[in-house]
Amino acid sequence: MMVRRKGLTPIIAMVLLLMLAIAAGGMLFAFAIKMQQSMQESVQKQMLTEAEKAAMRVDIVSIYDNDRSANTEDFAIALRNIGSAAWNMTQYLSNAITINGVPAGIKSSTCDSVNPNQVCTLVLNVKMADYNGEVITVIVNAPGNMDSKTCKMSCSGTNDENCQCIPP
């Protein structure tokens, strides 16, 4: 007669299933912890970036003819850093200045890094005489704010070489 042993196989199967469930739970827990850390780092980095941008603020001090003697009539904009940190205006404002809605590129700058309350002059790739007699609005979109100035262009001289931006 054969004796059948019952009971050992179901116990082994139950132990294996229990170990499999514990291992799967551990892997899921480790994945959730890693995902949470990644999301937290991303949020912290984004908050730091936003704080840095908030420190990059400008105020348009004046708009004038860059060099009357050279007969260039290039727009020059004097901007004051009204933010709380030094930053490179040329880098951040290269595509952020418009005149009557038309983008104006930067030709040159008097500064690289601008400290708080310091003034930097940007010379634009735009001729002031092109706007002679017009009321213009210059908008500067800095990372931390937007400033605008409206004035009427007035150019005089034989070749409109003496230009100024007069408040309307």
Protein backbone atom coordinates (compact mmCIF):
# COMPACT_ATOMS: atom_id res chain seq x y z
CA MET A 1 0.00 0.00 0.00
CA MET A 2 1.14 3.46 -0.84
CA VAL A 3 1.06 6.10 1.76
CA ARG A 4 0.24 9.54 0.48
CA ARG A 5 1.69 12.49 2.24
CA LYS A 6 -0.58 15.43 2.24
CA GLY A 7 0.08 18.80 3.79
CA LEU A 8 3.71 19.54 2.90
CA THR A 9 3.14 20.75 -0.68
CA PRO A 10 0.40 23.27 0.21
CA ILE A 11 2.58 24.71 2.97
CA ILE A 12 5.53 25.18 0.61
CA ALA A 13 3.24 26.79 -1.99
CA MET A 14 1.82 29.14 0.63
CA VAL A 15 5.31 30.16 1.82
CA LEU A 16 6.42 30.80 -1.78
CA LEU A 17 3.33 32.90 -2.52
CA LEU A 18 3.83 34.86 0.68
CA MET A 19 7.50 35.54 -0.20
CA LEU A 20 6.49 36.58 -3.71
CA ALA A 21 3.89 39.01 -2.33
CA ILE A 22 6.39 40.51 0.14
CA ALA A 23 9.01 40.95 -2.61
CA ALA A 24 6.49 42.62 -4.92
CA GLY A 25 5.38 44.95 -2.11
CA GLY A 26 9.00 45.86 -1.35
CA MET A 27 9.69 46.65 -5.00
CA LEU A 28 6.55 48.79 -5.23
CA PHE A 29 7.54 50.66 -2.04
CA ALA A 30 11.06 51.32 -3.36
CA PHE A 31 9.62 52.58 -6.67
CA ALA A 32 7.18 54.91 -4.87
CA ILE A 33 9.96 56.36 -2.67
CA LYS A 34 12.21 57.00 -5.68
CA MET A 35 9.32 58.63 -7.61
CA GLN A 36 8.50 60.88 -4.64
CA GLN A 37 12.14 61.99 -4.29
CA SER A 38 12.37 62.75 -8.01
CA MET A 39 9.19 64.83 -7.93
CA GLN A 40 10.36 66.70 -4.83
CA GLU A 41 13.72 67.55 -6.46
CA SER A 42 11.93 68.75 -9.60
CA VAL A 43 9.63 71.03 -7.62
CA GLN A 44 12.54 72.44 -5.62
CA LYS A 45 14.51 73.15 -8.80
CA GLN A 46 11.48 74.85 -10.41
CA MET A 47 10.92 76.99 -7.29
CA LEU A 48 14.57 78.06 -7.35
CA THR A 49 14.30 78.96 -11.05
CA GLU A 50 11.17 81.03 -10.40
CA ALA A 51 12.88 82.80 -7.48
CA GLU A 52 15.86 83.60 -9.71
CA LYS A 53 13.55 84.97 -12.41
CA ALA A 54 11.71 87.13 -9.88
CA ALA A 55 15.04 88.75 -9.00
CA MET A 56 15.57 89.77 -12.67
CA ARG A 57 13.57 92.99 -12.96
CA VAL A 58 14.15 96.12 -15.06
CA ASP A 59 13.01 99.71 -15.29
CA ILE A 60 13.36 101.71 -18.51
CA VAL A 61 15.31 104.81 -17.47
CA SER A 62 15.57 106.49 -20.89
CA ILE A 63 15.52 106.03 -24.65
CA TYR A 64 17.95 108.08 -26.69
CA ASP A 65 20.07 108.36 -29.83
CA ASN A 66 23.18 106.28 -29.15
CA ASP A 67 25.75 108.47 -30.93
CA ARG A 68 24.60 111.68 -32.61
CA SER A 69 28.11 112.53 -33.77
CA ALA A 70 28.51 109.23 -35.63
CA ASN A 71 25.27 109.79 -37.55
CA THR A 72 24.05 106.28 -36.67
CA GLU A 73 20.72 107.14 -35.02
CA ASP A 74 20.76 103.77 -33.24
CA PHE A 75 18.22 103.30 -30.48
CA ALA A 76 19.82 103.12 -27.07
CA ILE A 77 17.85 102.09 -24.01
CA ALA A 78 19.13 102.69 -20.50
CA LEU A 79 17.75 100.01 -18.17
CA ARG A 80 18.07 99.89 -14.39
CA ASN A 81 18.26 96.56 -12.59
CA ILE A 82 15.50 96.92 -9.99
CA GLY A 83 15.80 93.27 -8.97
CA SER A 84 17.61 91.84 -5.99
CA ALA A 85 20.43 90.02 -7.82
CA ALA A 86 23.06 90.68 -10.47
CA TRP A 87 22.23 89.25 -13.91
CA ASN A 88 23.26 89.44 -17.56
CA MET A 89 20.71 91.69 -19.31
CA THR A 90 22.15 91.09 -22.78
CA GLN A 91 21.67 87.34 -22.43
CA TYR A 92 18.16 87.41 -20.98
CA LEU A 93 16.79 90.32 -23.03
CA SER A 94 18.17 89.35 -26.46
CA ASN A 95 14.66 88.52 -27.75
CA ALA A 96 12.59 90.43 -25.21
CA ILE A 97 12.53 94.02 -26.47
CA THR A 98 9.88 95.29 -28.89
CA ILE A 99 9.19 98.65 -30.50
CA ASN A 100 5.53 99.02 -31.48
CA GLY A 101 5.24 95.24 -31.29
CA VAL A 102 8.22 94.55 -33.57
CA PRO A 103 11.15 92.65 -31.98
CA ALA A 104 14.36 94.69 -31.72
CA GLY A 105 17.64 92.81 -31.45
CA ILE A 106 20.53 93.98 -29.31
CA LYS A 107 23.53 95.35 -31.23
CA SER A 108 25.78 96.05 -28.24
CA SER A 109 25.77 96.59 -24.50
CA THR A 110 27.74 98.64 -21.98
CA CYS A 111 27.71 95.84 -19.43
CA ASP A 112 27.63 92.10 -18.96
CA SER A 113 26.53 91.49 -15.41
CA VAL A 114 24.31 94.22 -13.95
CA ASN A 115 24.20 94.62 -10.17
CA PRO A 116 21.05 95.75 -8.34
CA ASN A 117 20.26 99.44 -8.94
CA GLN A 118 22.94 99.66 -11.67
CA VAL A 119 22.09 101.07 -15.11
CA CYS A 120 23.03 99.25 -18.31
CA THR A 121 22.71 100.66 -21.83
CA LEU A 122 21.61 98.40 -24.66
CA VAL A 123 22.04 99.60 -28.25
CA LEU A 124 19.40 98.10 -30.55
CA ASN A 125 19.51 97.07 -34.21
CA VAL A 126 16.92 99.75 -35.02
CA LYS A 127 17.33 103.27 -36.42
CA MET A 128 15.50 106.00 -34.54
CA ALA A 129 14.90 107.98 -37.74
CA ASP A 130 12.72 105.11 -39.04
CA TYR A 131 10.14 106.19 -36.44
CA ASN A 132 10.45 109.98 -36.93
CA GLY A 133 7.19 111.71 -36.01
CA GLU A 134 5.62 108.52 -34.65
CA VAL A 135 4.46 107.76 -31.15
CA ILE A 136 6.26 104.57 -30.15
CA THR A 137 5.94 102.11 -27.31
CA VAL A 138 9.05 100.27 -26.22
CA ILE A 139 8.39 97.13 -24.18
CA VAL A 140 11.05 95.21 -22.27
CA ASN A 141 10.01 91.77 -21.05
CA ALA A 142 12.48 90.84 -18.33
CA PRO A 143 12.17 87.42 -16.64
CA GLY A 144 10.75 89.04 -13.47
CA ASN A 145 8.62 91.86 -14.89
CA MET A 146 7.59 93.87 -17.94
CA ASP A 147 8.20 97.60 -18.34
CA SER A 148 7.12 99.91 -21.15
CA LYS A 149 7.71 103.50 -22.16
CA THR A 150 5.75 105.52 -24.71
CA CYS A 151 7.20 108.57 -26.42
CA LYS A 152 7.12 110.53 -29.68
CA MET A 153 10.17 110.31 -31.92
CA SER A 154 11.50 113.66 -33.10
CA CYS A 155 14.43 113.77 -35.49
CA SER A 156 16.01 116.93 -36.93
CA GLY A 157 18.99 117.87 -39.06
CA THR A 158 19.66 117.44 -42.75
CA ASN A 159 19.66 113.63 -42.51
CA ASP A 160 17.47 113.23 -39.42
CA GLU A 161 20.66 112.66 -37.45
CA ASN A 162 19.51 114.30 -34.19
CA CYS A 163 16.78 112.12 -32.74
CA GLN A 164 15.14 112.19 -29.36
CA CYS A 165 12.29 110.43 -27.66
CA ILE A 166 9.91 113.05 -26.23
CA PRO A 167 7.14 112.11 -23.79
CA PRO A 168 3.77 112.47 -25.54
